[in-house]
Amino acid sequence: MDKNDNTPEFSFPSSSNSTVQLSSYAPQGHVVTHVTAHDLDAGDNGHVTYRVVDKEKPEVKSFRLDSESGAVVVAETLESIDHRTFQLNILAVDHGIPARCDNAMITFRQV
């Protein structure tokens, strides 16, 4: 049986690549990007799912994150929002016991 000795690591977003540009006219349901993280463990210990941290931040409601695929989707129309930059703090969690996790910030800029 595999020991849960590895932590998920983000490949996107990363410290050198964490910004996505999107149109303020992107429709609801539009997939903006995918977050990706990898865990070198096997089985559940290496199975990674995603979630948004800071769900109370107003910009979080503008996007939806698929916990399995990592797809970030426009959840509401962006053109009526007065700010042009959104940030989401994403957590990648493996399913080992105890679970191990990594977090990364992704920035969306309206163009």
N, C-alpha and C. Protein backbone atom coordinates (compact mmCIF):
# COMPACT_ATOMS: atom_id res chain seq x y z
N MET A 1 0.84 -1.19 0.00
CA MET A 1 0.00 0.00 0.00
C MET A 1 0.89 1.25 0.00
N ASP A 2 0.50 2.22 -0.78
CA ASP A 2 1.27 3.46 -0.91
C ASP A 2 1.09 4.33 0.34
N LYS A 3 2.18 4.87 0.81
CA LYS A 3 2.16 5.80 1.94
C LYS A 3 1.88 7.21 1.40
N ASN A 4 1.08 7.98 2.09
CA ASN A 4 0.76 9.35 1.66
C ASN A 4 1.88 10.28 2.09
N ASP A 5 2.98 10.22 1.36
CA ASP A 5 4.15 11.01 1.74
C ASP A 5 4.46 12.14 0.76
N ASN A 6 3.58 12.35 -0.22
CA ASN A 6 3.77 13.44 -1.18
C ASN A 6 2.61 14.42 -1.08
N THR A 7 2.92 15.69 -1.26
CA THR A 7 1.93 16.75 -1.24
C THR A 7 1.60 17.12 -2.68
N PRO A 8 0.32 17.39 -2.99
CA PRO A 8 0.01 17.85 -4.34
C PRO A 8 0.81 19.12 -4.66
N GLU A 9 1.22 19.24 -5.91
CA GLU A 9 1.94 20.44 -6.35
C GLU A 9 1.26 20.99 -7.58
N PHE A 10 0.99 22.29 -7.55
CA PHE A 10 0.35 22.95 -8.69
C PHE A 10 1.33 23.09 -9.84
N SER A 11 0.85 22.79 -11.04
CA SER A 11 1.61 23.14 -12.24
C SER A 11 0.98 24.39 -12.87
N PHE A 12 -0.33 24.60 -12.64
CA PHE A 12 -0.97 25.86 -12.99
C PHE A 12 -2.09 26.11 -12.00
N PRO A 13 -2.17 27.25 -11.38
CA PRO A 13 -1.22 28.36 -11.47
C PRO A 13 0.09 28.04 -10.75
N SER A 14 1.13 28.77 -11.15
CA SER A 14 2.43 28.62 -10.51
C SER A 14 2.99 30.00 -10.20
N SER A 15 4.11 30.04 -9.52
CA SER A 15 4.69 31.33 -9.16
C SER A 15 5.12 32.13 -10.38
N SER A 16 5.42 31.44 -11.48
CA SER A 16 5.83 32.15 -12.69
C SER A 16 4.71 32.33 -13.72
N ASN A 17 3.57 31.71 -13.48
CA ASN A 17 2.46 31.77 -14.43
C ASN A 17 1.14 31.63 -13.68
N SER A 18 0.54 32.75 -13.30
CA SER A 18 -0.68 32.68 -12.49
C SER A 18 -1.78 33.62 -12.96
N THR A 19 -1.62 34.22 -14.14
CA THR A 19 -2.60 35.20 -14.61
C THR A 19 -3.29 34.71 -15.88
N VAL A 20 -4.61 34.89 -15.91
CA VAL A 20 -5.41 34.54 -17.07
C VAL A 20 -6.15 35.79 -17.51
N GLN A 21 -6.10 36.08 -18.80
CA GLN A 21 -6.87 37.21 -19.33
C GLN A 21 -8.18 36.67 -19.88
N LEU A 22 -9.26 37.42 -19.65
CA LEU A 22 -10.55 37.00 -20.16
C LEU A 22 -11.36 38.22 -20.57
N SER A 23 -12.26 37.98 -21.48
CA SER A 23 -13.14 39.05 -21.95
C SER A 23 -14.22 39.32 -20.92
N SER A 24 -14.57 40.61 -20.76
CA SER A 24 -15.67 40.94 -19.86
C SER A 24 -16.99 40.46 -20.44
N TYR A 25 -16.99 40.04 -21.72
CA TYR A 25 -18.19 39.53 -22.37
C TYR A 25 -18.25 38.01 -22.36
N ALA A 26 -17.35 37.36 -21.64
CA ALA A 26 -17.39 35.89 -21.55
C ALA A 26 -18.73 35.47 -20.97
N PRO A 27 -19.44 34.58 -21.64
CA PRO A 27 -20.78 34.19 -21.18
C PRO A 27 -20.73 33.25 -19.98
N GLN A 28 -21.84 33.19 -19.27
CA GLN A 28 -21.96 32.22 -18.19
C GLN A 28 -21.72 30.83 -18.76
N GLY A 29 -20.98 30.02 -18.04
CA GLY A 29 -20.68 28.66 -18.48
C GLY A 29 -19.40 28.54 -19.28
N HIS A 30 -18.80 29.68 -19.65
CA HIS A 30 -17.54 29.66 -20.41
C HIS A 30 -16.41 29.16 -19.52
N VAL A 31 -15.67 28.15 -20.01
CA VAL A 31 -14.51 27.65 -19.27
C VAL A 31 -13.35 28.60 -19.52
N VAL A 32 -12.89 29.24 -18.46
CA VAL A 32 -11.83 30.24 -18.55
C VAL A 32 -10.46 29.57 -18.59
N THR A 33 -10.25 28.60 -17.73
CA THR A 33 -8.98 27.89 -17.63
C THR A 33 -9.19 26.62 -16.81
N HIS A 34 -8.16 25.84 -16.68
CA HIS A 34 -8.14 24.68 -15.78
C HIS A 34 -6.96 24.84 -14.83
N VAL A 35 -7.20 24.61 -13.55
CA VAL A 35 -6.08 24.52 -12.60
C VAL A 35 -5.63 23.07 -12.59
N THR A 36 -4.34 22.86 -12.41
CA THR A 36 -3.82 21.50 -12.40
C THR A 36 -2.78 21.33 -11.29
N ALA A 37 -2.90 20.23 -10.61
CA ALA A 37 -1.92 19.85 -9.59
C ALA A 37 -1.70 18.35 -9.70
N HIS A 38 -0.51 17.92 -9.35
CA HIS A 38 -0.15 16.50 -9.44
C HIS A 38 0.38 16.04 -8.09
N ASP A 39 0.08 14.78 -7.78
CA ASP A 39 0.55 14.17 -6.55
C ASP A 39 1.20 12.84 -6.93
N LEU A 40 2.40 12.62 -6.51
CA LEU A 40 3.15 11.42 -6.91
C LEU A 40 2.71 10.15 -6.20
N ASP A 41 1.84 10.24 -5.21
CA ASP A 41 1.36 9.05 -4.53
C ASP A 41 0.40 8.27 -5.43
N ALA A 42 0.11 7.04 -5.06
CA ALA A 42 -0.79 6.17 -5.83
C ALA A 42 -2.16 6.10 -5.16
N GLY A 43 -3.16 5.69 -5.93
CA GLY A 43 -4.51 5.49 -5.40
C GLY A 43 -5.11 6.76 -4.84
N ASP A 44 -5.91 6.62 -3.76
CA ASP A 44 -6.54 7.79 -3.13
C ASP A 44 -5.51 8.80 -2.64
N ASN A 45 -4.36 8.32 -2.23
CA ASN A 45 -3.32 9.22 -1.74
C ASN A 45 -2.86 10.19 -2.83
N GLY A 46 -3.00 9.80 -4.09
CA GLY A 46 -2.60 10.65 -5.19
C GLY A 46 -3.75 11.30 -5.92
N HIS A 47 -4.99 10.98 -5.51
CA HIS A 47 -6.17 11.58 -6.14
C HIS A 47 -6.33 13.01 -5.63
N VAL A 48 -6.30 13.98 -6.55
CA VAL A 48 -6.33 15.40 -6.17
C VAL A 48 -7.67 16.00 -6.58
N THR A 49 -8.28 16.73 -5.65
CA THR A 49 -9.47 17.53 -5.95
C THR A 49 -9.18 18.97 -5.54
N TYR A 50 -10.03 19.87 -6.03
CA TYR A 50 -9.79 21.31 -5.88
C TYR A 50 -10.95 21.99 -5.18
N ARG A 51 -10.64 23.06 -4.47
CA ARG A 51 -11.69 23.91 -3.90
C ARG A 51 -11.17 25.34 -3.75
N VAL A 52 -12.13 26.25 -3.67
CA VAL A 52 -11.80 27.66 -3.53
C VAL A 52 -11.73 27.99 -2.04
N VAL A 53 -10.69 28.72 -1.67
CA VAL A 53 -10.54 29.24 -0.31
C VAL A 53 -11.12 30.65 -0.32
N ASP A 54 -11.51 31.17 0.81
CA ASP A 54 -12.05 32.53 0.92
C ASP A 54 -13.36 32.69 0.15
N LYS A 55 -14.28 31.77 0.34
CA LYS A 55 -15.54 31.80 -0.41
C LYS A 55 -16.38 33.03 -0.12
N GLU A 56 -16.07 33.76 0.94
CA GLU A 56 -16.84 34.96 1.28
C GLU A 56 -16.41 36.18 0.47
N LYS A 57 -15.31 36.10 -0.26
CA LYS A 57 -14.87 37.23 -1.09
C LYS A 57 -15.88 37.43 -2.22
N PRO A 58 -16.25 38.68 -2.52
CA PRO A 58 -17.28 38.94 -3.54
C PRO A 58 -16.95 38.36 -4.92
N GLU A 59 -15.68 38.40 -5.35
CA GLU A 59 -15.35 37.93 -6.69
C GLU A 59 -15.48 36.42 -6.84
N VAL A 60 -15.52 35.70 -5.74
CA VAL A 60 -15.63 34.24 -5.82
C VAL A 60 -16.94 33.84 -6.49
N LYS A 61 -18.00 34.60 -6.27
CA LYS A 61 -19.29 34.24 -6.86
C LYS A 61 -19.30 34.41 -8.38
N SER A 62 -18.31 35.09 -8.95
CA SER A 62 -18.23 35.28 -10.39
C SER A 62 -17.74 34.03 -11.12
N PHE A 63 -17.15 33.08 -10.38
CA PHE A 63 -16.58 31.89 -10.98
C PHE A 63 -17.02 30.64 -10.24
N ARG A 64 -16.98 29.52 -10.95
CA ARG A 64 -17.28 28.22 -10.35
C ARG A 64 -16.09 27.31 -10.66
N LEU A 65 -15.69 26.53 -9.70
CA LEU A 65 -14.56 25.62 -9.85
C LEU A 65 -15.06 24.19 -9.78
N ASP A 66 -14.78 23.40 -10.82
CA ASP A 66 -15.13 21.98 -10.79
C ASP A 66 -14.09 21.26 -9.95
N SER A 67 -14.53 20.63 -8.88
CA SER A 67 -13.60 20.05 -7.91
C SER A 67 -12.79 18.90 -8.48
N GLU A 68 -13.31 18.19 -9.47
CA GLU A 68 -12.59 17.05 -10.04
C GLU A 68 -11.69 17.44 -11.21
N SER A 69 -12.23 18.20 -12.16
CA SER A 69 -11.47 18.51 -13.38
C SER A 69 -10.57 19.73 -13.23
N GLY A 70 -10.88 20.61 -12.28
CA GLY A 70 -10.12 21.85 -12.12
C GLY A 70 -10.57 22.94 -13.07
N ALA A 71 -11.67 22.73 -13.80
CA ALA A 71 -12.17 23.75 -14.72
C ALA A 71 -12.69 24.95 -13.94
N VAL A 72 -12.27 26.14 -14.35
CA VAL A 72 -12.78 27.38 -13.78
C VAL A 72 -13.73 27.96 -14.81
N VAL A 73 -14.99 28.15 -14.39
CA VAL A 73 -16.08 28.52 -15.28
C VAL A 73 -16.67 29.84 -14.84
N VAL A 74 -17.06 30.68 -15.81
CA VAL A 74 -17.75 31.93 -15.50
C VAL A 74 -19.13 31.57 -14.95
N ALA A 75 -19.43 32.04 -13.75
CA ALA A 75 -20.70 31.72 -13.09
C ALA A 75 -21.73 32.83 -13.24
N GLU A 76 -21.28 34.05 -13.47
CA GLU A 76 -22.20 35.17 -13.67
C GLU A 76 -21.59 36.17 -14.63
N THR A 77 -22.43 36.95 -15.27
CA THR A 77 -21.97 37.93 -16.24
C THR A 77 -20.96 38.88 -15.61
N LEU A 78 -19.85 39.09 -16.32
CA LEU A 78 -18.75 39.91 -15.78
C LEU A 78 -18.84 41.36 -16.22
N GLU A 79 -19.56 41.65 -17.30
CA GLU A 79 -19.53 43.00 -17.86
C GLU A 79 -20.14 44.05 -16.95
N SER A 80 -20.99 43.66 -16.00
CA SER A 80 -21.59 44.64 -15.09
C SER A 80 -20.75 44.88 -13.84
N ILE A 81 -19.66 44.16 -13.70
CA ILE A 81 -18.81 44.28 -12.52
C ILE A 81 -17.79 45.39 -12.75
N ASP A 82 -17.64 46.29 -11.78
CA ASP A 82 -16.79 47.46 -11.99
C ASP A 82 -15.29 47.21 -11.83
N HIS A 83 -14.87 46.14 -11.19
CA HIS A 83 -13.42 45.93 -11.10
C HIS A 83 -12.97 44.97 -12.20
N ARG A 84 -11.73 45.11 -12.60
CA ARG A 84 -11.20 44.39 -13.75
C ARG A 84 -10.28 43.23 -13.38
N THR A 85 -9.96 43.09 -12.12
CA THR A 85 -9.08 42.02 -11.68
C THR A 85 -9.76 41.21 -10.59
N PHE A 86 -9.68 39.89 -10.73
CA PHE A 86 -10.25 38.98 -9.76
C PHE A 86 -9.14 38.04 -9.30
N GLN A 87 -9.17 37.67 -8.04
CA GLN A 87 -8.20 36.69 -7.56
C GLN A 87 -8.93 35.58 -6.83
N LEU A 88 -8.53 34.35 -7.12
CA LEU A 88 -9.06 33.19 -6.42
C LEU A 88 -7.91 32.42 -5.80
N ASN A 89 -8.07 32.06 -4.55
CA ASN A 89 -7.10 31.22 -3.86
C ASN A 89 -7.64 29.79 -3.97
N ILE A 90 -6.89 28.92 -4.65
CA ILE A 90 -7.32 27.56 -4.93
C ILE A 90 -6.52 26.59 -4.06
N LEU A 91 -7.21 25.60 -3.52
CA LEU A 91 -6.58 24.56 -2.71
C LEU A 91 -6.65 23.24 -3.47
N ALA A 92 -5.54 22.55 -3.59
CA ALA A 92 -5.47 21.20 -4.15
C ALA A 92 -5.27 20.24 -2.98
N VAL A 93 -6.17 19.28 -2.84
CA VAL A 93 -6.16 18.37 -1.69
C VAL A 93 -6.12 16.93 -2.18
N ASP A 94 -5.21 16.12 -1.62
CA ASP A 94 -5.25 14.70 -1.96
C ASP A 94 -6.23 13.99 -1.03
N HIS A 95 -6.47 12.71 -1.27
CA HIS A 95 -7.46 11.97 -0.49
C HIS A 95 -6.81 10.97 0.45
N GLY A 96 -5.57 11.24 0.80
CA GLY A 96 -4.87 10.39 1.76
C GLY A 96 -5.33 10.70 3.18
N ILE A 97 -4.88 9.87 4.11
CA ILE A 97 -5.19 10.10 5.53
C ILE A 97 -3.85 10.14 6.26
N PRO A 98 -3.51 11.29 6.83
CA PRO A 98 -4.21 12.57 6.72
C PRO A 98 -4.02 13.19 5.33
N ALA A 99 -4.96 14.01 4.94
CA ALA A 99 -4.88 14.66 3.63
C ALA A 99 -3.74 15.67 3.61
N ARG A 100 -3.14 15.81 2.44
CA ARG A 100 -2.09 16.81 2.23
C ARG A 100 -2.60 17.78 1.18
N CYS A 101 -2.15 19.05 1.27
CA CYS A 101 -2.70 20.05 0.34
C CYS A 101 -1.65 21.10 -0.03
N ASP A 102 -1.98 21.80 -1.10
CA ASP A 102 -1.16 22.91 -1.58
C ASP A 102 -2.15 24.00 -1.98
N ASN A 103 -1.73 25.24 -1.91
CA ASN A 103 -2.62 26.31 -2.39
C ASN A 103 -1.86 27.21 -3.34
N ALA A 104 -2.66 27.84 -4.22
CA ALA A 104 -2.09 28.75 -5.21
C ALA A 104 -3.11 29.84 -5.52
N MET A 105 -2.62 31.00 -5.87
CA MET A 105 -3.48 32.13 -6.23
C MET A 105 -3.51 32.25 -7.74
N ILE A 106 -4.71 32.42 -8.28
CA ILE A 106 -4.86 32.66 -9.71
C ILE A 106 -5.51 34.02 -9.89
N THR A 107 -4.99 34.80 -10.83
CA THR A 107 -5.49 36.15 -11.09
C THR A 107 -6.15 36.17 -12.46
N PHE A 108 -7.35 36.74 -12.52
CA PHE A 108 -8.07 36.91 -13.78
C PHE A 108 -8.12 38.40 -14.08
N ARG A 109 -7.72 38.77 -15.29
CA ARG A 109 -7.78 40.16 -15.72
C ARG A 109 -8.72 40.28 -16.89
N GLN A 110 -9.70 41.18 -16.75
CA GLN A 110 -10.61 41.44 -17.86
C GLN A 110 -9.92 42.31 -18.89
N VAL A 111 -10.10 41.99 -20.16
CA VAL A 111 -9.54 42.79 -21.24
C VAL A 111 -10.66 43.31 -22.14
